[in-house]
Amino acid sequence: MDIQKQREAFESYAQKFFKTDKAFEKKGNQYIYDEVVMMWDCWITKQLEIDELKAKLEKLESGNHVLIKKSEIGDYYYDESEGIYIDEPDNFLTHLEAGEVQEVQCRGYFDLPSQYAARTWDEENQDVDTWKFFKSKEEAEKAAVYCEAKFAAQGEGHE
């Protein structure tokens, strides 16, 4: 953060609260009037918060991070006897005796929006290709109809 630029911005903004420029007199690098010192402290504190929020926003916009509401995050619990994660630990914790402690590995999860899968048509080989994910049902249906039509056009005897 450029402190000099911040001081200039602060003084430009804060001068509307004072009748004189003497309010911004300094002794060394410090304002001499308590009101201005308090305003400057608030200004610089808020500017640091703004810079921190901008840095967080840049991380989100970079695509390297995902922002999810806490209410949309669930938990899976590892059942050692079955070797799998399940969403209800009661199934394997009911055997605990009074005074017993058991470590339970927990993994958070969240549900992503549904995707749609359909088989596609391989133009090069003129045959049904493997499945592919589509972001919308409409896109998947369009690909499926096209694939089905191309396959049907080849006739019944094509394997």
C-alpha atoms as a PDB file:
ATOM      1  CA  MET A   1       0.000   0.000   0.000  1.00  0.00           C
ATOM      2  CA  ASP A   2       1.307   3.437  -0.921  1.00  0.00           C
ATOM      3  CA  ILE A   3       0.923   5.447   2.312  1.00  0.00           C
ATOM      4  CA  GLN A   4       1.570   8.780   0.597  1.00  0.00           C
ATOM      5  CA  LYS A   5      -1.229   8.160  -1.916  1.00  0.00           C
ATOM      6  CA  GLN A   6      -3.508   7.094   0.928  1.00  0.00           C
ATOM      7  CA  ARG A   7      -2.711  10.293   2.876  1.00  0.00           C
ATOM      8  CA  GLU A   8      -3.519  12.393  -0.190  1.00  0.00           C
ATOM      9  CA  ALA A   9      -6.800  10.551  -0.755  1.00  0.00           C
ATOM     10  CA  PHE A  10      -7.660  10.777   2.945  1.00  0.00           C
ATOM     11  CA  GLU A  11      -6.965  14.515   3.177  1.00  0.00           C
ATOM     12  CA  SER A  12      -8.880  15.188  -0.036  1.00  0.00           C
ATOM     13  CA  TYR A  13     -11.893  13.320   1.347  1.00  0.00           C
ATOM     14  CA  ALA A  14     -11.648  14.540   4.969  1.00  0.00           C
ATOM     15  CA  GLN A  15     -11.166  18.260   4.232  1.00  0.00           C
ATOM     16  CA  LYS A  16     -14.922  18.678   3.804  1.00  0.00           C
ATOM     17  CA  PHE A  17     -15.261  18.084   7.562  1.00  0.00           C
ATOM     18  CA  PHE A  18     -12.934  20.969   8.501  1.00  0.00           C
ATOM     19  CA  LYS A  19     -12.989  24.707   7.842  1.00  0.00           C
ATOM     20  CA  THR A  20      -9.211  24.987   7.558  1.00  0.00           C
ATOM     21  CA  ASP A  21      -6.310  23.058   6.067  1.00  0.00           C
ATOM     22  CA  LYS A  22      -4.507  23.464   9.402  1.00  0.00           C
ATOM     23  CA  ALA A  23      -6.420  20.413  10.617  1.00  0.00           C
ATOM     24  CA  PHE A  24      -3.933  18.287   8.663  1.00  0.00           C
ATOM     25  CA  GLU A  25      -0.812  19.730  10.272  1.00  0.00           C
ATOM     26  CA  LYS A  26       1.735  17.108  11.212  1.00  0.00           C
ATOM     27  CA  LYS A  27       4.517  16.743  13.687  1.00  0.00           C
ATOM     28  CA  GLY A  28       6.956  14.489  11.905  1.00  0.00           C
ATOM     29  CA  ASN A  29       4.816  11.880  10.188  1.00  0.00           C
ATOM     30  CA  GLN A  30       1.874  12.122  12.621  1.00  0.00           C
ATOM     31  CA  TYR A  31      -1.171  14.394  12.550  1.00  0.00           C
ATOM     32  CA  ILE A  32      -1.302  16.645  15.607  1.00  0.00           C
ATOM     33  CA  TYR A  33      -5.091  16.901  16.122  1.00  0.00           C
ATOM     34  CA  ASP A  34      -6.797  13.955  17.823  1.00  0.00           C
ATOM     35  CA  GLU A  35      -9.854  14.065  15.571  1.00  0.00           C
ATOM     36  CA  VAL A  36      -7.701  13.803  12.455  1.00  0.00           C
ATOM     37  CA  VAL A  37      -5.566  11.056  14.000  1.00  0.00           C
ATOM     38  CA  MET A  38      -8.723   9.072  14.754  1.00  0.00           C
ATOM     39  CA  MET A  39     -10.090   9.616  11.242  1.00  0.00           C
ATOM     40  CA  TRP A  40      -6.751   8.635   9.680  1.00  0.00           C
ATOM     41  CA  ASP A  41      -6.590   5.468  11.782  1.00  0.00           C
ATOM     42  CA  CYS A  42     -10.103   4.521  10.662  1.00  0.00           C
ATOM     43  CA  TRP A  43      -9.251   5.337   7.036  1.00  0.00           C
ATOM     44  CA  ILE A  44      -6.082   3.255   6.940  1.00  0.00           C
ATOM     45  CA  THR A  45      -7.703   0.342   8.825  1.00  0.00           C
ATOM     46  CA  LYS A  46     -10.585   0.257   6.362  1.00  0.00           C
ATOM     47  CA  GLN A  47      -8.174   0.548   3.430  1.00  0.00           C
ATOM     48  CA  LEU A  48      -6.269  -2.492   4.703  1.00  0.00           C
ATOM     49  CA  GLU A  49      -9.564  -4.402   4.930  1.00  0.00           C
ATOM     50  CA  ILE A  50     -10.440  -3.320   1.387  1.00  0.00           C
ATOM     51  CA  ASP A  51      -7.050  -4.497   0.099  1.00  0.00           C
ATOM     52  CA  GLU A  52      -7.517  -7.837   1.862  1.00  0.00           C
ATOM     53  CA  LEU A  53     -10.981  -8.279   0.339  1.00  0.00           C
ATOM     54  CA  LYS A  54      -9.643  -7.366  -3.108  1.00  0.00           C
ATOM     55  CA  ALA A  55      -6.949 -10.041  -2.737  1.00  0.00           C
ATOM     56  CA  LYS A  56      -9.588 -12.622  -1.774  1.00  0.00           C
ATOM     57  CA  LEU A  57     -11.737 -11.601  -4.730  1.00  0.00           C
ATOM     58  CA  GLU A  58      -8.768 -11.952  -7.091  1.00  0.00           C
ATOM     59  CA  LYS A  59      -8.237 -15.500  -5.806  1.00  0.00           C
ATOM     60  CA  LEU A  60     -11.881 -16.334  -6.446  1.00  0.00           C
ATOM     61  CA  GLU A  61     -11.844 -14.789  -9.897  1.00  0.00           C
ATOM     62  CA  SER A  62      -8.628 -16.618 -10.818  1.00  0.00           C
ATOM     63  CA  GLY A  63     -10.582 -19.869 -10.907  1.00  0.00           C
ATOM     64  CA  ASN A  64      -8.340 -21.563  -8.352  1.00  0.00           C
ATOM     65  CA  HIS A  65     -10.887 -21.301  -5.542  1.00  0.00           C
ATOM     66  CA  VAL A  66     -14.562 -22.057  -5.120  1.00  0.00           C
ATOM     67  CA  LEU A  67     -16.982 -20.152  -2.912  1.00  0.00           C
ATOM     68  CA  ILE A  68     -19.667 -22.344  -1.336  1.00  0.00           C
ATOM     69  CA  LYS A  69     -22.269 -21.545   1.309  1.00  0.00           C
ATOM     70  CA  LYS A  70     -21.594 -23.471   4.519  1.00  0.00           C
ATOM     71  CA  SER A  71     -25.181 -24.686   4.488  1.00  0.00           C
ATOM     72  CA  GLU A  72     -24.482 -26.524   1.212  1.00  0.00           C
ATOM     73  CA  ILE A  73     -21.543 -28.507   2.592  1.00  0.00           C
ATOM     74  CA  GLY A  74     -22.185 -31.964   4.002  1.00  0.00           C
ATOM     75  CA  ASP A  75     -20.010 -34.585   5.677  1.00  0.00           C
ATOM     76  CA  TYR A  76     -19.063 -38.181   4.990  1.00  0.00           C
ATOM     77  CA  TYR A  77     -17.698 -40.342   7.798  1.00  0.00           C
ATOM     78  CA  TYR A  78     -15.230 -43.167   7.295  1.00  0.00           C
ATOM     79  CA  ASP A  79     -16.454 -46.567   8.473  1.00  0.00           C
ATOM     80  CA  GLU A  80     -13.224 -48.512   9.028  1.00  0.00           C
ATOM     81  CA  SER A  81     -14.983 -51.877   9.240  1.00  0.00           C
ATOM     82  CA  GLU A  82     -16.548 -51.413   5.771  1.00  0.00           C
ATOM     83  CA  GLY A  83     -13.719 -49.360   4.285  1.00  0.00           C
ATOM     84  CA  ILE A  84     -16.094 -46.706   2.907  1.00  0.00           C
ATOM     85  CA  TYR A  85     -17.321 -43.197   3.623  1.00  0.00           C
ATOM     86  CA  ILE A  86     -20.994 -42.930   4.593  1.00  0.00           C
ATOM     87  CA  ASP A  87     -23.187 -39.968   5.464  1.00  0.00           C
ATOM     88  CA  GLU A  88     -24.568 -41.379   8.717  1.00  0.00           C
ATOM     89  CA  PRO A  89     -22.041 -42.354  11.428  1.00  0.00           C
ATOM     90  CA  ASP A  90     -24.730 -43.894  13.660  1.00  0.00           C
ATOM     91  CA  ASN A  91     -24.361 -47.102  11.658  1.00  0.00           C
ATOM     92  CA  PHE A  92     -20.892 -47.755  13.049  1.00  0.00           C
ATOM     93  CA  LEU A  93     -20.808 -45.719  16.258  1.00  0.00           C
ATOM     94  CA  THR A  94     -23.697 -47.413  18.067  1.00  0.00           C
ATOM     95  CA  HIS A  95     -21.307 -50.014  19.495  1.00  0.00           C
ATOM     96  CA  LEU A  96     -19.345 -47.412  21.517  1.00  0.00           C
ATOM     97  CA  GLU A  97     -19.379 -48.132  25.218  1.00  0.00           C
ATOM     98  CA  ALA A  98     -19.575 -45.501  27.953  1.00  0.00           C
ATOM     99  CA  GLY A  99     -16.147 -43.896  28.362  1.00  0.00           C
ATOM    100  CA  GLU A 100     -14.883 -45.127  24.963  1.00  0.00           C
ATOM    101  CA  VAL A 101     -13.451 -42.810  22.313  1.00  0.00           C
ATOM    102  CA  GLN A 102     -13.172 -43.591  18.614  1.00  0.00           C
ATOM    103  CA  GLU A 103     -11.464 -41.474  15.991  1.00  0.00           C
ATOM    104  CA  VAL A 104     -13.741 -40.818  13.022  1.00  0.00           C
ATOM    105  CA  GLN A 105     -12.312 -39.524   9.767  1.00  0.00           C
ATOM    106  CA  CYS A 106     -14.578 -36.924   8.226  1.00  0.00           C
ATOM    107  CA  ARG A 107     -14.624 -35.627   4.669  1.00  0.00           C
ATOM    108  CA  GLY A 108     -16.620 -32.621   3.521  1.00  0.00           C
ATOM    109  CA  TYR A 109     -18.541 -32.607   0.251  1.00  0.00           C
ATOM    110  CA  PHE A 110     -20.885 -30.444  -1.746  1.00  0.00           C
ATOM    111  CA  ASP A 111     -23.217 -31.271  -4.584  1.00  0.00           C
ATOM    112  CA  LEU A 112     -22.417 -29.914  -8.008  1.00  0.00           C
ATOM    113  CA  PRO A 113     -25.116 -29.079 -10.532  1.00  0.00           C
ATOM    114  CA  SER A 114     -26.270 -32.065 -12.560  1.00  0.00           C
ATOM    115  CA  GLN A 115     -24.666 -32.809 -15.874  1.00  0.00           C
ATOM    116  CA  TYR A 116     -26.254 -34.759 -18.685  1.00  0.00           C
ATOM    117  CA  ALA A 117     -24.640 -37.628 -20.547  1.00  0.00           C
ATOM    118  CA  ALA A 118     -25.385 -38.941 -24.009  1.00  0.00           C
ATOM    119  CA  ARG A 119     -23.651 -41.090 -26.591  1.00  0.00           C
ATOM    120  CA  THR A 120     -22.303 -39.045 -29.480  1.00  0.00           C
ATOM    121  CA  TRP A 121     -21.695 -39.781 -33.132  1.00  0.00           C
ATOM    122  CA  ASP A 122     -18.113 -40.331 -34.343  1.00  0.00           C
ATOM    123  CA  GLU A 123     -18.022 -38.602 -37.741  1.00  0.00           C
ATOM    124  CA  GLU A 124     -14.615 -40.008 -38.638  1.00  0.00           C
ATOM    125  CA  ASN A 125     -15.534 -43.664 -38.078  1.00  0.00           C
ATOM    126  CA  GLN A 126     -19.223 -43.237 -38.908  1.00  0.00           C
ATOM    127  CA  ASP A 127     -20.287 -45.043 -35.754  1.00  0.00           C
ATOM    128  CA  VAL A 128     -21.667 -44.462 -32.264  1.00  0.00           C
ATOM    129  CA  ASP A 129     -18.932 -43.026 -30.071  1.00  0.00           C
ATOM    130  CA  THR A 130     -18.524 -43.156 -26.290  1.00  0.00           C
ATOM    131  CA  TRP A 131     -20.622 -41.044 -23.959  1.00  0.00           C
ATOM    132  CA  LYS A 132     -19.913 -37.379 -23.319  1.00  0.00           C
ATOM    133  CA  PHE A 133     -21.054 -34.922 -20.614  1.00  0.00           C
ATOM    134  CA  PHE A 134     -23.146 -31.888 -21.558  1.00  0.00           C
ATOM    135  CA  LYS A 135     -23.928 -28.880 -19.380  1.00  0.00           C
ATOM    136  CA  SER A 136     -27.593 -28.754 -20.316  1.00  0.00           C
ATOM    137  CA  LYS A 137     -30.280 -31.325 -20.975  1.00  0.00           C
ATOM    138  CA  GLU A 138     -31.056 -29.617 -24.284  1.00  0.00           C
ATOM    139  CA  GLU A 139     -27.462 -30.018 -25.533  1.00  0.00           C
ATOM    140  CA  ALA A 140     -27.430 -33.692 -24.513  1.00  0.00           C
ATOM    141  CA  GLU A 141     -30.794 -34.374 -26.160  1.00  0.00           C
ATOM    142  CA  LYS A 142     -29.654 -32.678 -29.368  1.00  0.00           C
ATOM    143  CA  ALA A 143     -26.506 -34.846 -29.482  1.00  0.00           C
ATOM    144  CA  ALA A 144     -28.514 -37.997 -28.679  1.00  0.00           C
ATOM    145  CA  VAL A 145     -31.091 -37.325 -31.410  1.00  0.00           C
ATOM    146  CA  TYR A 146     -28.328 -36.656 -33.938  1.00  0.00           C
ATOM    147  CA  CYS A 147     -26.464 -39.828 -32.947  1.00  0.00           C
ATOM    148  CA  GLU A 148     -29.626 -41.924 -33.100  1.00  0.00           C
ATOM    149  CA  ALA A 149     -30.561 -40.523 -36.526  1.00  0.00           C
ATOM    150  CA  LYS A 150     -27.100 -41.173 -37.971  1.00  0.00           C
ATOM    151  CA  PHE A 151     -27.113 -44.708 -36.561  1.00  0.00           C
ATOM    152  CA  ALA A 152     -30.607 -45.429 -37.903  1.00  0.00           C
ATOM    153  CA  ALA A 153     -29.635 -44.072 -41.327  1.00  0.00           C
ATOM    154  CA  GLN A 154     -26.997 -46.788 -41.610  1.00  0.00           C
ATOM    155  CA  GLY A 155     -29.683 -49.440 -41.520  1.00  0.00           C
ATOM    156  CA  GLU A 156     -30.509 -52.356 -39.289  1.00  0.00           C
ATOM    157  CA  GLY A 157     -27.606 -54.589 -40.387  1.00  0.00           C
ATOM    158  CA  HIS A 158     -24.796 -52.335 -39.095  1.00  0.00           C
ATOM    159  CA  GLU A 159     -23.114 -53.663 -35.960  1.00  0.00           C
END
